[in-house]
């Protein structure tokens, strides 16, 4: 058994991005986990931007964007479920 939130936090930045953008259902994240991860990285990014040491902002931006995308998608799937008929109509 594993913790999805721990799998995001204890990976490297690159591996976190890979798991966020992967199309497999190995990692199923709850909206709460994604919100916590996004907020934490937001605080990290603000801190990094405000200190006088050279640090990157590119990867934290990708991580926050990927996490917010997953969060929005999970909220849309929860509150606006589409049936198979909707997908078939949209594909035509």
PDB file of N, CA and C in Angstrom:
ATOM      1  N   UNK A   1       0.847  -1.177   0.000  1.00  0.00           N
ATOM      2  CA  UNK A   1       0.000   0.000   0.000  1.00  0.00           C
ATOM      3  C   UNK A   1       0.893   1.242   0.000  1.00  0.00           C
ATOM      4  N   UNK A   2       0.469   2.265  -0.685  1.00  0.00           N
ATOM      5  CA  UNK A   2       1.263   3.472  -0.798  1.00  0.00           C
ATOM      6  C   UNK A   2       0.368   4.679  -0.597  1.00  0.00           C
ATOM      7  N   UNK A   3       0.987   5.796  -0.329  1.00  0.00           N
ATOM      8  CA  UNK A   3       0.270   7.058  -0.199  1.00  0.00           C
ATOM      9  C   UNK A   3       0.475   7.852  -1.484  1.00  0.00           C
ATOM     10  N   UNK A   4      -0.598   8.193  -2.186  1.00  0.00           N
ATOM     11  CA  UNK A   4      -0.423   8.978  -3.419  1.00  0.00           C
ATOM     12  C   UNK A   4       0.237  10.330  -3.168  1.00  0.00           C
ATOM     13  N   UNK A   5      -0.084  10.953  -2.043  1.00  0.00           N
ATOM     14  CA  UNK A   5       0.520  12.250  -1.732  1.00  0.00           C
ATOM     15  C   UNK A   5       2.013  12.102  -1.472  1.00  0.00           C
ATOM     16  N   UNK A   6       2.401  11.041  -0.779  1.00  0.00           N
ATOM     17  CA  UNK A   6       3.826  10.792  -0.529  1.00  0.00           C
ATOM     18  C   UNK A   6       4.560  10.485  -1.825  1.00  0.00           C
ATOM     19  N   UNK A   7       3.889   9.829  -2.774  1.00  0.00           N
ATOM     20  CA  UNK A   7       4.542   9.542  -4.055  1.00  0.00           C
ATOM     21  C   UNK A   7       4.825  10.823  -4.832  1.00  0.00           C
ATOM     22  N   UNK A   8       4.042  11.860  -4.609  1.00  0.00           N
ATOM     23  CA  UNK A   8       4.332  13.149  -5.244  1.00  0.00           C
ATOM     24  C   UNK A   8       5.440  13.895  -4.510  1.00  0.00           C
ATOM     25  N   UNK A   9       5.367  13.930  -3.186  1.00  0.00           N
ATOM     26  CA  UNK A   9       6.330  14.714  -2.408  1.00  0.00           C
ATOM     27  C   UNK A   9       7.722  14.103  -2.388  1.00  0.00           C
ATOM     28  N   UNK A  10       7.837  12.792  -2.331  1.00  0.00           N
ATOM     29  CA  UNK A  10       9.141  12.179  -2.152  1.00  0.00           C
ATOM     30  C   UNK A  10       9.796  11.746  -3.459  1.00  0.00           C
ATOM     31  N   UNK A  11       9.250  12.140  -4.574  1.00  0.00           N
ATOM     32  CA  UNK A  11       9.902  11.949  -5.865  1.00  0.00           C
ATOM     33  C   UNK A  11      10.732  13.185  -6.184  1.00  0.00           C
ATOM     34  N   UNK A  12      11.593  13.050  -7.157  1.00  0.00           N
ATOM     35  CA  UNK A  12      12.286  14.230  -7.656  1.00  0.00           C
ATOM     36  C   UNK A  12      11.293  15.084  -8.443  1.00  0.00           C
ATOM     37  N   UNK A  13      11.687  16.293  -8.764  1.00  0.00           N
ATOM     38  CA  UNK A  13      10.792  17.161  -9.528  1.00  0.00           C
ATOM     39  C   UNK A  13      10.438  16.544 -10.875  1.00  0.00           C
ATOM     40  N   UNK A  14      11.421  15.972 -11.530  1.00  0.00           N
ATOM     41  CA  UNK A  14      11.183  15.347 -12.837  1.00  0.00           C
ATOM     42  C   UNK A  14      10.231  14.166 -12.755  1.00  0.00           C
ATOM     43  N   UNK A  15      10.401  13.326 -11.753  1.00  0.00           N
ATOM     44  CA  UNK A  15       9.497  12.176 -11.603  1.00  0.00           C
ATOM     45  C   UNK A  15       8.096  12.599 -11.200  1.00  0.00           C
ATOM     46  N   UNK A  16       7.983  13.665 -10.414  1.00  0.00           N
ATOM     47  CA  UNK A  16       6.654  14.178 -10.076  1.00  0.00           C
ATOM     48  C   UNK A  16       5.926  14.660 -11.327  1.00  0.00           C
ATOM     49  N   UNK A  17       6.667  15.334 -12.195  1.00  0.00           N
ATOM     50  CA  UNK A  17       6.068  15.807 -13.441  1.00  0.00           C
ATOM     51  C   UNK A  17       5.652  14.623 -14.311  1.00  0.00           C
ATOM     52  N   UNK A  18       6.482  13.600 -14.385  1.00  0.00           N
ATOM     53  CA  UNK A  18       6.143  12.417 -15.182  1.00  0.00           C
ATOM     54  C   UNK A  18       4.882  11.740 -14.668  1.00  0.00           C
ATOM     55  N   UNK A  19       4.744  11.610 -13.355  1.00  0.00           N
ATOM     56  CA  UNK A  19       3.546  10.958 -12.821  1.00  0.00           C
ATOM     57  C   UNK A  19       2.309  11.821 -12.997  1.00  0.00           C
ATOM     58  N   UNK A  20       2.474  13.146 -12.947  1.00  0.00           N
ATOM     59  CA  UNK A  20       1.316  14.023 -13.145  1.00  0.00           C
ATOM     60  C   UNK A  20       0.830  13.996 -14.588  1.00  0.00           C
ATOM     61  N   UNK A  21       1.751  13.894 -15.538  1.00  0.00           N
ATOM     62  CA  UNK A  21       1.378  13.913 -16.941  1.00  0.00           C
ATOM     63  C   UNK A  21       1.219  12.531 -17.557  1.00  0.00           C
ATOM     64  N   UNK A  22       1.384  11.480 -16.760  1.00  0.00           N
ATOM     65  CA  UNK A  22       1.227  10.133 -17.308  1.00  0.00           C
ATOM     66  C   UNK A  22      -0.243   9.825 -17.535  1.00  0.00           C
ATOM     67  N   UNK A  23      -0.488   8.984 -18.488  1.00  0.00           N
ATOM     68  CA  UNK A  23      -1.861   8.629 -18.856  1.00  0.00           C
ATOM     69  C   UNK A  23      -2.314   7.336 -18.193  1.00  0.00           C
ATOM     70  N   UNK A  24      -1.468   6.735 -17.390  1.00  0.00           N
ATOM     71  CA  UNK A  24      -1.831   5.485 -16.736  1.00  0.00           C
ATOM     72  C   UNK A  24      -2.615   5.763 -15.463  1.00  0.00           C
ATOM     73  N   UNK A  25      -3.347   4.795 -15.032  1.00  0.00           N
ATOM     74  CA  UNK A  25      -4.141   4.932 -13.820  1.00  0.00           C
ATOM     75  C   UNK A  25      -3.449   4.300 -12.618  1.00  0.00           C
ATOM     76  N   UNK A  26      -2.134   4.223 -12.638  1.00  0.00           N
ATOM     77  CA  UNK A  26      -1.395   3.657 -11.509  1.00  0.00           C
ATOM     78  C   UNK A  26      -1.532   4.559 -10.291  1.00  0.00           C
ATOM     79  N   UNK A  27      -1.405   5.859 -10.518  1.00  0.00           N
ATOM     80  CA  UNK A  27      -1.515   6.817  -9.433  1.00  0.00           C
ATOM     81  C   UNK A  27      -2.864   7.517  -9.524  1.00  0.00           C
ATOM     82  N   UNK A  28      -3.705   7.270  -8.561  1.00  0.00           N
ATOM     83  CA  UNK A  28      -5.012   7.921  -8.507  1.00  0.00           C
ATOM     84  C   UNK A  28      -4.972   8.897  -7.341  1.00  0.00           C
ATOM     85  N   UNK A  29      -5.036  10.173  -7.663  1.00  0.00           N
ATOM     86  CA  UNK A  29      -4.914  11.209  -6.652  1.00  0.00           C
ATOM     87  C   UNK A  29      -6.287  11.772  -6.321  1.00  0.00           C
ATOM     88  N   UNK A  30      -6.533  12.007  -5.046  1.00  0.00           N
ATOM     89  CA  UNK A  30      -7.781  12.645  -4.644  1.00  0.00           C
ATOM     90  C   UNK A  30      -7.632  14.153  -4.831  1.00  0.00           C
ATOM     91  N   UNK A  31      -8.747  14.845  -4.850  1.00  0.00           N
ATOM     92  CA  UNK A  31      -8.719  16.302  -4.998  1.00  0.00           C
ATOM     93  C   UNK A  31      -8.011  16.943  -3.813  1.00  0.00           C
ATOM     94  N   UNK A  32      -8.183  16.368  -2.639  1.00  0.00           N
ATOM     95  CA  UNK A  32      -7.527  16.890  -1.434  1.00  0.00           C
ATOM     96  C   UNK A  32      -6.010  16.777  -1.557  1.00  0.00           C
ATOM     97  N   UNK A  33      -5.524  15.631  -2.021  1.00  0.00           N
ATOM     98  CA  UNK A  33      -4.077  15.448  -2.198  1.00  0.00           C
ATOM     99  C   UNK A  33      -3.514  16.442  -3.204  1.00  0.00           C
ATOM    100  N   UNK A  34      -4.220  16.629  -4.299  1.00  0.00           N
ATOM    101  CA  UNK A  34      -3.748  17.561  -5.326  1.00  0.00           C
ATOM    102  C   UNK A  34      -3.764  18.996  -4.825  1.00  0.00           C
ATOM    103  N   UNK A  35      -4.777  19.363  -4.046  1.00  0.00           N
ATOM    104  CA  UNK A  35      -4.840  20.720  -3.498  1.00  0.00           C
ATOM    105  C   UNK A  35      -3.705  20.962  -2.512  1.00  0.00           C
ATOM    106  N   UNK A  36      -3.408  19.992  -1.665  1.00  0.00           N
ATOM    107  CA  UNK A  36      -2.301  20.126  -0.708  1.00  0.00           C
ATOM    108  C   UNK A  36      -0.975  20.255  -1.443  1.00  0.00           C
ATOM    109  N   UNK A  37      -0.769  19.418  -2.451  1.00  0.00           N
ATOM    110  CA  UNK A  37       0.486  19.451  -3.215  1.00  0.00           C
ATOM    111  C   UNK A  37       0.635  20.780  -3.954  1.00  0.00           C
ATOM    112  N   UNK A  38      -0.435  21.283  -4.552  1.00  0.00           N
ATOM    113  CA  UNK A  38      -0.374  22.561  -5.264  1.00  0.00           C
ATOM    114  C   UNK A  38      -0.065  23.705  -4.309  1.00  0.00           C
ATOM    115  N   UNK A  39      -0.746  23.741  -3.172  1.00  0.00           N
ATOM    116  CA  UNK A  39      -0.524  24.816  -2.207  1.00  0.00           C
ATOM    117  C   UNK A  39       0.908  24.789  -1.680  1.00  0.00           C
ATOM    118  N   UNK A  40       1.422  23.598  -1.389  1.00  0.00           N
ATOM    119  CA  UNK A  40       2.784  23.481  -0.883  1.00  0.00           C
ATOM    120  C   UNK A  40       3.788  23.972  -1.914  1.00  0.00           C
ATOM    121  N   UNK A  41       3.624  23.571  -3.179  1.00  0.00           N
ATOM    122  CA  UNK A  41       4.545  24.029  -4.220  1.00  0.00           C
ATOM    123  C   UNK A  41       4.388  25.520  -4.491  1.00  0.00           C
ATOM    124  N   UNK A  42       3.198  26.056  -4.298  1.00  0.00           N
ATOM    125  CA  UNK A  42       2.992  27.497  -4.431  1.00  0.00           C
ATOM    126  C   UNK A  42       3.822  28.242  -3.386  1.00  0.00           C
ATOM    127  N   UNK A  43       3.786  27.746  -2.146  1.00  0.00           N
ATOM    128  CA  UNK A  43       4.586  28.358  -1.085  1.00  0.00           C
ATOM    129  C   UNK A  43       6.078  28.216  -1.390  1.00  0.00           C
ATOM    130  N   UNK A  44       6.506  27.040  -1.856  1.00  0.00           N
ATOM    131  CA  UNK A  44       7.911  26.843  -2.233  1.00  0.00           C
ATOM    132  C   UNK A  44       8.328  27.826  -3.327  1.00  0.00           C
ATOM    133  N   UNK A  45       7.473  28.021  -4.319  1.00  0.00           N
ATOM    134  CA  UNK A  45       7.811  28.898  -5.445  1.00  0.00           C
ATOM    135  C   UNK A  45       7.890  30.351  -5.005  1.00  0.00           C
ATOM    136  N   UNK A  46       6.967  30.770  -4.157  1.00  0.00           N
ATOM    137  CA  UNK A  46       7.026  32.149  -3.645  1.00  0.00           C
ATOM    138  C   UNK A  46       8.306  32.370  -2.851  1.00  0.00           C
ATOM    139  N   UNK A  47       8.669  31.399  -2.032  1.00  0.00           N
ATOM    140  CA  UNK A  47       9.893  31.508  -1.244  1.00  0.00           C
ATOM    141  C   UNK A  47      11.117  31.545  -2.152  1.00  0.00           C
ATOM    142  N   UNK A  48      11.147  30.701  -3.162  1.00  0.00           N
ATOM    143  CA  UNK A  48      12.271  30.664  -4.094  1.00  0.00           C
ATOM    144  C   UNK A  48      12.390  31.984  -4.851  1.00  0.00           C
ATOM    145  N   UNK A  49      11.277  32.551  -5.218  1.00  0.00           N
ATOM    146  CA  UNK A  49      11.294  33.803  -5.976  1.00  0.00           C
ATOM    147  C   UNK A  49      11.767  34.969  -5.113  1.00  0.00           C
ATOM    148  N   UNK A  50      11.528  34.885  -3.800  1.00  0.00           N
ATOM    149  CA  UNK A  50      11.849  36.003  -2.928  1.00  0.00           C
ATOM    150  C   UNK A  50      13.234  35.997  -2.326  1.00  0.00           C
ATOM    151  N   UNK A  51      13.975  34.914  -2.445  1.00  0.00           N
ATOM    152  CA  UNK A  51      15.311  34.882  -1.844  1.00  0.00           C
ATOM    153  C   UNK A  51      16.357  35.311  -2.870  1.00  0.00           C
ATOM    154  N   UNK A  52      17.537  35.676  -2.373  1.00  0.00           N
ATOM    155  CA  UNK A  52      18.587  36.200  -3.238  1.00  0.00           C
ATOM    156  C   UNK A  52      19.594  35.129  -3.640  1.00  0.00           C
ATOM    157  N   UNK A  53      19.125  33.938  -3.935  1.00  0.00           N
ATOM    158  CA  UNK A  53      20.009  32.889  -4.432  1.00  0.00           C
ATOM    159  C   UNK A  53      19.477  32.421  -5.784  1.00  0.00           C
ATOM    160  N   UNK A  54      20.363  31.973  -6.652  1.00  0.00           N
ATOM    161  CA  UNK A  54      19.880  31.502  -7.948  1.00  0.00           C
ATOM    162  C   UNK A  54      19.109  30.184  -7.788  1.00  0.00           C
ATOM    163  N   UNK A  55      17.891  30.205  -8.233  1.00  0.00           N
ATOM    164  CA  UNK A  55      17.048  29.007  -8.170  1.00  0.00           C
ATOM    165  C   UNK A  55      16.102  29.040  -9.361  1.00  0.00           C
ATOM    166  N   UNK A  56      15.693  27.884  -9.791  1.00  0.00           N
ATOM    167  CA  UNK A  56      14.837  27.808 -10.964  1.00  0.00           C
ATOM    168  C   UNK A  56      13.376  28.032 -10.641  1.00  0.00           C
ATOM    169  N   UNK A  57      12.682  28.592 -11.592  1.00  0.00           N
ATOM    170  CA  UNK A  57      11.233  28.766 -11.467  1.00  0.00           C
ATOM    171  C   UNK A  57      10.487  27.980 -12.537  1.00  0.00           C
ATOM    172  N   UNK A  58      11.220  27.388 -13.465  1.00  0.00           N
ATOM    173  CA  UNK A  58      10.589  26.688 -14.580  1.00  0.00           C
ATOM    174  C   UNK A  58       9.912  25.394 -14.118  1.00  0.00           C
ATOM    175  N   UNK A  59      10.645  24.522 -13.428  1.00  0.00           N
ATOM    176  CA  UNK A  59      10.069  23.251 -12.979  1.00  0.00           C
ATOM    177  C   UNK A  59       8.958  23.431 -11.948  1.00  0.00           C
ATOM    178  N   UNK A  60       9.098  24.330 -10.972  1.00  0.00           N
ATOM    179  CA  UNK A  60       7.955  24.532 -10.072  1.00  0.00           C
ATOM    180  C   UNK A  60       6.700  25.021 -10.795  1.00  0.00           C
ATOM    181  N   UNK A  61       6.884  25.820 -11.836  1.00  0.00           N
ATOM    182  CA  UNK A  61       5.730  26.263 -12.620  1.00  0.00           C
ATOM    183  C   UNK A  61       5.057  25.115 -13.350  1.00  0.00           C
ATOM    184  N   UNK A  62       5.861  24.210 -13.894  1.00  0.00           N
ATOM    185  CA  UNK A  62       5.305  23.037 -14.572  1.00  0.00           C
ATOM    186  C   UNK A  62       4.597  22.128 -13.565  1.00  0.00           C
ATOM    187  N   UNK A  63       5.209  21.958 -12.393  1.00  0.00           N
ATOM    188  CA  UNK A  63       4.597  21.107 -11.368  1.00  0.00           C
ATOM    189  C   UNK A  63       3.253  21.677 -10.924  1.00  0.00           C
ATOM    190  N   UNK A  64       3.210  22.979 -10.657  1.00  0.00           N
ATOM    191  CA  UNK A  64       1.934  23.583 -10.233  1.00  0.00           C
ATOM    192  C   UNK A  64       0.902  23.531 -11.353  1.00  0.00           C
ATOM    193  N   UNK A  65       1.322  23.750 -12.582  1.00  0.00           N
ATOM    194  CA  UNK A  65       0.386  23.690 -13.706  1.00  0.00           C
ATOM    195  C   UNK A  65      -0.156  22.286 -13.921  1.00  0.00           C
ATOM    196  N   UNK A  66       0.720  21.286 -13.838  1.00  0.00           N
ATOM    197  CA  UNK A  66       0.279  19.903 -13.994  1.00  0.00           C
ATOM    198  C   UNK A  66      -0.658  19.468 -12.881  1.00  0.00           C
ATOM    199  N   UNK A  67      -0.352  19.895 -11.661  1.00  0.00           N
ATOM    200  CA  UNK A  67      -1.202  19.539 -10.531  1.00  0.00           C
ATOM    201  C   UNK A  67      -2.552  20.240 -10.623  1.00  0.00           C
ATOM    202  N   UNK A  68      -2.541  21.513 -10.991  1.00  0.00           N
ATOM    203  CA  UNK A  68      -3.813  22.219 -11.151  1.00  0.00           C
ATOM    204  C   UNK A  68      -4.644  21.630 -12.283  1.00  0.00           C
ATOM    205  N   UNK A  69      -3.996  21.210 -13.353  1.00  0.00           N
ATOM    206  CA  UNK A  69      -4.714  20.553 -14.447  1.00  0.00           C
ATOM    207  C   UNK A  69      -5.378  19.269 -13.998  1.00  0.00           C
ATOM    208  N   UNK A  70      -4.641  18.450 -13.235  1.00  0.00           N
ATOM    209  CA  UNK A  70      -5.231  17.216 -12.682  1.00  0.00           C
ATOM    210  C   UNK A  70      -6.374  17.534 -11.730  1.00  0.00           C
ATOM    211  N   UNK A  71      -6.193  18.571 -10.906  1.00  0.00           N
ATOM    212  CA  UNK A  71      -7.233  18.958  -9.946  1.00  0.00           C
ATOM    213  C   UNK A  71      -8.485  19.422 -10.672  1.00  0.00           C
ATOM    214  N   UNK A  72      -8.343  20.276 -11.666  1.00  0.00           N
ATOM    215  CA  UNK A  72      -9.498  20.747 -12.439  1.00  0.00           C
ATOM    216  C   UNK A  72     -10.196  19.587 -13.140  1.00  0.00           C
ATOM    217  N   UNK A  73      -9.415  18.684 -13.710  1.00  0.00           N
ATOM    218  CA  UNK A  73     -10.002  17.541 -14.400  1.00  0.00           C
ATOM    219  C   UNK A  73     -10.788  16.652 -13.449  1.00  0.00           C
ATOM    220  N   UNK A  74     -10.226  16.399 -12.262  1.00  0.00           N
ATOM    221  CA  UNK A  74     -10.945  15.556 -11.308  1.00  0.00           C
ATOM    222  C   UNK A  74     -12.215  16.233 -10.810  1.00  0.00           C
ATOM    223  N   UNK A  75     -12.175  17.554 -10.626  1.00  0.00           N
ATOM    224  CA  UNK A  75     -13.382  18.267 -10.200  1.00  0.00           C
ATOM    225  C   UNK A  75     -14.438  18.272 -11.299  1.00  0.00           C
ATOM    226  N   UNK A  76     -14.026  18.441 -12.540  1.00  0.00           N
ATOM    227  CA  UNK A  76     -14.975  18.415 -13.649  1.00  0.00           C
ATOM    228  C   UNK A  76     -15.595  17.034 -13.792  1.00  0.00           C
ATOM    229  N   UNK A  77     -14.779  15.980 -13.673  1.00  0.00           N
ATOM    230  CA  UNK A  77     -15.315  14.623 -13.770  1.00  0.00           C
ATOM    231  C   UNK A  77     -16.248  14.301 -12.612  1.00  0.00           C
ATOM    232  N   UNK A  78     -16.007  14.894 -11.455  1.00  0.00           N
ATOM    233  CA  UNK A  78     -16.861  14.644 -10.299  1.00  0.00           C
ATOM    234  C   UNK A  78     -18.195  15.367 -10.427  1.00  0.00           C
ATOM    235  N   UNK A  79     -18.155  16.631 -10.796  1.00  0.00           N
ATOM    236  CA  UNK A  79     -19.372  17.448 -10.785  1.00  0.00           C
ATOM    237  C   UNK A  79     -20.079  17.544 -12.131  1.00  0.00           C
ATOM    238  N   UNK A  80     -19.424  17.218 -13.226  1.00  0.00           N
ATOM    239  CA  UNK A  80     -20.038  17.237 -14.551  1.00  0.00           C
ATOM    240  C   UNK A  80     -19.753  15.924 -15.269  1.00  0.00           C
ATOM    241  N   UNK A  81     -20.288  14.825 -14.766  1.00  0.00           N
ATOM    242  CA  UNK A  81     -19.959  13.538 -15.398  1.00  0.00           C
ATOM    243  C   UNK A  81     -20.574  13.440 -16.799  1.00  0.00           C
ATOM    244  N   UNK A  82     -19.800  12.897 -17.716  1.00  0.00           N
ATOM    245  CA  UNK A  82     -20.276  12.691 -19.079  1.00  0.00           C
ATOM    246  C   UNK A  82     -20.457  11.198 -19.305  1.00  0.00           C
ATOM    247  N   UNK A  83     -21.492  10.858 -19.996  1.00  0.00           N
ATOM    248  CA  UNK A  83     -21.732   9.459 -20.316  1.00  0.00           C
ATOM    249  C   UNK A  83     -21.018   9.097 -21.614  1.00  0.00           C
ATOM    250  N   UNK A  84     -21.029   7.838 -21.949  1.00  0.00           N
ATOM    251  CA  UNK A  84     -20.386   7.376 -23.180  1.00  0.00           C
ATOM    252  C   UNK A  84     -21.059   8.004 -24.402  1.00  0.00           C
ATOM    253  N   UNK A  85     -22.360   8.267 -24.331  1.00  0.00           N
ATOM    254  CA  UNK A  85     -23.072   8.903 -25.447  1.00  0.00           C
ATOM    255  C   UNK A  85     -22.540  10.294 -25.727  1.00  0.00           C
ATOM    256  N   UNK A  86     -22.202  11.042 -24.665  1.00  0.00           N
ATOM    257  CA  UNK A  86     -21.650  12.381 -24.843  1.00  0.00           C
ATOM    258  C   UNK A  86     -20.294  12.325 -25.554  1.00  0.00           C
ATOM    259  N   UNK A  87     -19.468  11.344 -25.182  1.00  0.00           N
ATOM    260  CA  UNK A  87     -18.168  11.203 -25.823  1.00  0.00           C
ATOM    261  C   UNK A  87     -18.309  10.857 -27.306  1.00  0.00           C
ATOM    262  N   UNK A  88     -19.290   9.993 -27.635  1.00  0.00           N
ATOM    263  CA  UNK A  88     -19.491   9.609 -29.020  1.00  0.00           C
ATOM    264  C   UNK A  88     -20.004  10.800 -29.836  1.00  0.00           C
ATOM    265  N   UNK A  89     -20.900  11.601 -29.271  1.00  0.00           N
ATOM    266  CA  UNK A  89     -21.393  12.774 -29.964  1.00  0.00           C
ATOM    267  C   UNK A  89     -20.292  13.800 -30.164  1.00  0.00           C
ATOM    268  N   UNK A  90     -19.426  13.962 -29.162  1.00  0.00           N
ATOM    269  CA  UNK A  90     -18.353  14.927 -29.274  1.00  0.00           C
ATOM    270  C   UNK A  90     -17.316  14.502 -30.297  1.00  0.00           C
ATOM    271  N   UNK A  91     -17.147  13.204 -30.495  1.00  0.00           N
ATOM    272  CA  UNK A  91     -16.157  12.710 -31.442  1.00  0.00           C
ATOM    273  C   UNK A  91     -16.632  12.869 -32.895  1.00  0.00           C
ATOM    274  N   UNK A  92     -17.915  13.008 -33.103  1.00  0.00           N
ATOM    275  CA  UNK A  92     -18.439  13.113 -34.478  1.00  0.00           C
ATOM    276  C   UNK A  92     -18.378  14.502 -35.012  1.00  0.00           C
TER     277      UNK A  92
END
